[in-house]
Amino acid sequence: MSATSTTLAASDWTGGKSPFNVSYGKLMMWLFLLSDAFTFSGFLIAYGLVRFSADSWPVPEEVFNAMPFMHGVNAPLIFVGIMTFILILSSVTMVMAVDAGHRMDKKGVAKWMGWTIIGGAVFLGCQAWEWTHFIIGTGGGGASLTWNEYGPASFAAFFFFITGFHGTHVLSGVVINYLVYYNTIRGVYEKRGHYDMVEKVGLYWHFIDLVWVFVFTFFYLV
């Protein structure tokens, strides 16, 4: 093999050329999100198959019609709508954090990451209240993995499993966002000369928000 061929082979296989012109960390995050998207898709497809093969199914407007501190008030899907708005708003603050990182604005990154963390924590608190209300129920029976006063037990099982799986992702995102926020105020990324980590966790956070749109559509609107 000639010296030129050897050089070309080395440049092609030693990892010196970045695929798609993105960093290794971002590429791995995209691959993880792709695999996670398949997982959520499988869960939602299974839910859809059971939902449309059942003879009867709970009406979301009748199940999710309560509001905190407003006992007896019929407010169909208002609370979950507020939850959704909060999560989408946290995605906007994450965009602002990433933009601040591109400008090497340490204070801006810390501020917007802080708001993103608060938005995620508030969403989790809202979800905890919704779970509590769903478990307690309105007719005394409530709901569990094996019983559901609103209709088929499979509705409750899917609800707990899929919204719980998504909630676990949100909790993980809040923890990771806090670590990034902590490193930001310590100046870790400023010393590195870039805020790529903010962009990586931003991809994960936007994915969580996008998945919730599908969960919201399947459970609360269909």
Foldseek 3Di string as FASTA:
>chain_A
DDPVVVVVVCCVPVPPDDPPPDDPLLVVLVVVLVVVVVVLVVLLVVVVVVVVVDPDDFAQQVLPQDDPPDPPHGRGCPLVVVLLVLLVVLLVLLVQLQVCQVVVNLVSNLVSLVSSLVSLVVSLVSVVVSQVDQQCDDPRRHADCCDHPRDDSVLRVSVCVSVVVLNVLSVVLSVLSVVLSVCSVVCVQVVVVGSVVSVSSSVSSVSSSVSVVVVCCSNRPD
